[in-house]
C-alpha atoms as a PDB file:
ATOM      1  CA  UNK A   1      -9.537   3.955  -8.377  1.00  0.00           C
ATOM      2  CA  UNK A   2     -10.153   7.250 -10.516  1.00  0.00           C
ATOM      3  CA  UNK A   3      -9.089   7.885 -13.774  1.00  0.00           C
ATOM      4  CA  UNK A   4      -5.885   7.939 -14.935  1.00  0.00           C
ATOM      5  CA  UNK A   5      -4.452  11.449 -16.048  1.00  0.00           C
ATOM      6  CA  UNK A   6      -2.215   9.838 -18.666  1.00  0.00           C
ATOM      7  CA  UNK A   7      -0.934   6.297 -20.060  1.00  0.00           C
ATOM      8  CA  UNK A   8       3.150   6.361 -19.938  1.00  0.00           C
ATOM      9  CA  UNK A   9       5.312   3.193 -21.402  1.00  0.00           C
ATOM     10  CA  UNK A  10       8.585   2.482 -20.244  1.00  0.00           C
ATOM     11  CA  UNK A  11      10.661  -0.072 -21.858  1.00  0.00           C
ATOM     12  CA  UNK A  12      13.894  -2.216 -20.199  1.00  0.00           C
ATOM     13  CA  UNK A  13      15.243  -5.608 -21.306  1.00  0.00           C
ATOM     14  CA  UNK A  14      12.397  -6.190 -24.505  1.00  0.00           C
ATOM     15  CA  UNK A  15       9.779  -5.510 -21.997  1.00  0.00           C
ATOM     16  CA  UNK A  16       7.706  -2.737 -22.497  1.00  0.00           C
ATOM     17  CA  UNK A  17       5.342  -1.509 -19.137  1.00  0.00           C
ATOM     18  CA  UNK A  18       2.097   0.922 -19.522  1.00  0.00           C
ATOM     19  CA  UNK A  19       1.226   2.856 -16.551  1.00  0.00           C
ATOM     20  CA  UNK A  20      -0.287   6.066 -15.711  1.00  0.00           C
ATOM     21  CA  UNK A  21      -0.641   8.222 -12.723  1.00  0.00           C
ATOM     22  CA  UNK A  22      -3.513   8.569 -10.351  1.00  0.00           C
ATOM     23  CA  UNK A  23      -4.665  12.034  -8.719  1.00  0.00           C
ATOM     24  CA  UNK A  24      -1.123  13.028 -10.060  1.00  0.00           C
ATOM     25  CA  UNK A  25       1.068  10.870  -7.903  1.00  0.00           C
ATOM     26  CA  UNK A  26       0.028   7.692  -7.719  1.00  0.00           C
ATOM     27  CA  UNK A  27       1.683   4.804 -10.178  1.00  0.00           C
ATOM     28  CA  UNK A  28      -0.706   2.500 -11.415  1.00  0.00           C
ATOM     29  CA  UNK A  29       0.333  -0.338 -13.310  1.00  0.00           C
ATOM     30  CA  UNK A  30      -1.672  -1.651 -16.269  1.00  0.00           C
ATOM     31  CA  UNK A  31      -0.095  -4.264 -18.096  1.00  0.00           C
ATOM     32  CA  UNK A  32       3.585  -5.734 -19.445  1.00  0.00           C
ATOM     33  CA  UNK A  33       4.206  -6.695 -22.772  1.00  0.00           C
ATOM     34  CA  UNK A  34       7.025  -7.966 -24.506  1.00  0.00           C
ATOM     35  CA  UNK A  35       8.373  -5.435 -26.830  1.00  0.00           C
ATOM     36  CA  UNK A  36       9.211  -7.263 -30.100  1.00  0.00           C
ATOM     37  CA  UNK A  37       5.701  -9.271 -30.675  1.00  0.00           C
ATOM     38  CA  UNK A  38       3.751  -7.240 -27.833  1.00  0.00           C
ATOM     39  CA  UNK A  39       2.701 -10.308 -26.615  1.00  0.00           C
ATOM     40  CA  UNK A  40       0.918  -9.984 -23.143  1.00  0.00           C
ATOM     41  CA  UNK A  41       3.518 -10.785 -20.004  1.00  0.00           C
ATOM     42  CA  UNK A  42       1.025  -9.210 -16.863  1.00  0.00           C
ATOM     43  CA  UNK A  43      -1.841  -7.372 -17.340  1.00  0.00           C
ATOM     44  CA  UNK A  44      -4.593  -5.963 -14.808  1.00  0.00           C
ATOM     45  CA  UNK A  45      -8.175  -5.302 -15.072  1.00  0.00           C
ATOM     46  CA  UNK A  46      -9.336  -1.822 -15.295  1.00  0.00           C
ATOM     47  CA  UNK A  47     -10.450  -0.681 -11.733  1.00  0.00           C
ATOM     48  CA  UNK A  48      -8.195  -3.038 -10.130  1.00  0.00           C
ATOM     49  CA  UNK A  49      -4.221  -1.679 -11.455  1.00  0.00           C
ATOM     50  CA  UNK A  50      -1.900  -2.212  -8.655  1.00  0.00           C
ATOM     51  CA  UNK A  51       0.352   0.787  -7.253  1.00  0.00           C
ATOM     52  CA  UNK A  52       4.189   0.432  -8.181  1.00  0.00           C
ATOM     53  CA  UNK A  53       4.795  -1.558  -4.852  1.00  0.00           C
ATOM     54  CA  UNK A  54       2.123  -3.997  -5.181  1.00  0.00           C
ATOM     55  CA  UNK A  55       3.218  -4.922  -8.797  1.00  0.00           C
ATOM     56  CA  UNK A  56       6.659  -5.195  -7.172  1.00  0.00           C
ATOM     57  CA  UNK A  57       5.373  -7.945  -4.548  1.00  0.00           C
ATOM     58  CA  UNK A  58       3.083  -9.731  -7.591  1.00  0.00           C
ATOM     59  CA  UNK A  59       6.337 -10.039  -9.770  1.00  0.00           C
ATOM     60  CA  UNK A  60       9.514  -9.586  -8.129  1.00  0.00           C
ATOM     61  CA  UNK A  61      11.482 -11.231 -11.342  1.00  0.00           C
ATOM     62  CA  UNK A  62      10.448  -7.472 -12.953  1.00  0.00           C
ATOM     63  CA  UNK A  63      12.390  -5.641 -10.827  1.00  0.00           C
ATOM     64  CA  UNK A  64      14.303  -3.710 -13.227  1.00  0.00           C
ATOM     65  CA  UNK A  65      11.158  -2.761 -15.272  1.00  0.00           C
ATOM     66  CA  UNK A  66       9.698  -1.267 -11.973  1.00  0.00           C
ATOM     67  CA  UNK A  67      13.023   0.455 -11.345  1.00  0.00           C
ATOM     68  CA  UNK A  68      12.709   2.127 -14.687  1.00  0.00           C
ATOM     69  CA  UNK A  69       9.211   3.149 -13.904  1.00  0.00           C
ATOM     70  CA  UNK A  70      10.279   4.749 -10.341  1.00  0.00           C
ATOM     71  CA  UNK A  71      13.246   6.720 -12.200  1.00  0.00           C
ATOM     72  CA  UNK A  72      10.948   7.852 -14.588  1.00  0.00           C
ATOM     73  CA  UNK A  73       8.310   8.864 -12.530  1.00  0.00           C
ATOM     74  CA  UNK A  74      10.764  11.026  -9.894  1.00  0.00           C
ATOM     75  CA  UNK A  75      12.457  12.622 -13.452  1.00  0.00           C
ATOM     76  CA  UNK A  76       9.003  13.786 -14.372  1.00  0.00           C
ATOM     77  CA  UNK A  77       8.057  14.780 -10.988  1.00  0.00           C
ATOM     78  CA  UNK A  78      11.384  16.981 -10.372  1.00  0.00           C
ATOM     79  CA  UNK A  79      12.925  17.529 -13.550  1.00  0.00           C
ATOM     80  CA  UNK A  80      16.562  17.695 -13.198  1.00  0.00           C
ATOM     81  CA  UNK A  81      18.739  20.669 -12.856  1.00  0.00           C
ATOM     82  CA  UNK A  82      20.886  21.817 -15.226  1.00  0.00           C
ATOM     83  CA  UNK A  83      24.644  22.212 -14.152  1.00  0.00           C
ATOM     84  CA  UNK A  84      24.544  25.836 -14.046  1.00  0.00           C
ATOM     85  CA  UNK A  85      21.410  26.086 -11.823  1.00  0.00           C
ATOM     86  CA  UNK A  86      22.959  23.371  -9.418  1.00  0.00           C
ATOM     87  CA  UNK A  87      25.493  25.931  -9.414  1.00  0.00           C
ATOM     88  CA  UNK A  88      23.229  28.807  -8.379  1.00  0.00           C
ATOM     89  CA  UNK A  89      21.517  26.829  -5.673  1.00  0.00           C
ATOM     90  CA  UNK A  90      24.834  26.187  -4.081  1.00  0.00           C
ATOM     91  CA  UNK A  91      26.127  30.067  -4.258  1.00  0.00           C
END
């Protein structure tokens, strides 16, 4: 896998996932830590980071966390339009 553009963090239910984008469109999961004491819950080795779909398969118990990563990814990729912009688009 190529180098990540930047690392991001998403928090849900006391867990913090570190993830990044590969080639601007592929989500790579780096690690999941307990938000309160930073103890590792799940971690992957560099060069072997799973994408979001693989992470879901490996750790289905973290569905809410994976859903939050997906929402954040799409929100950054396609920022929500303002109410005024939506009205203009349909005018």
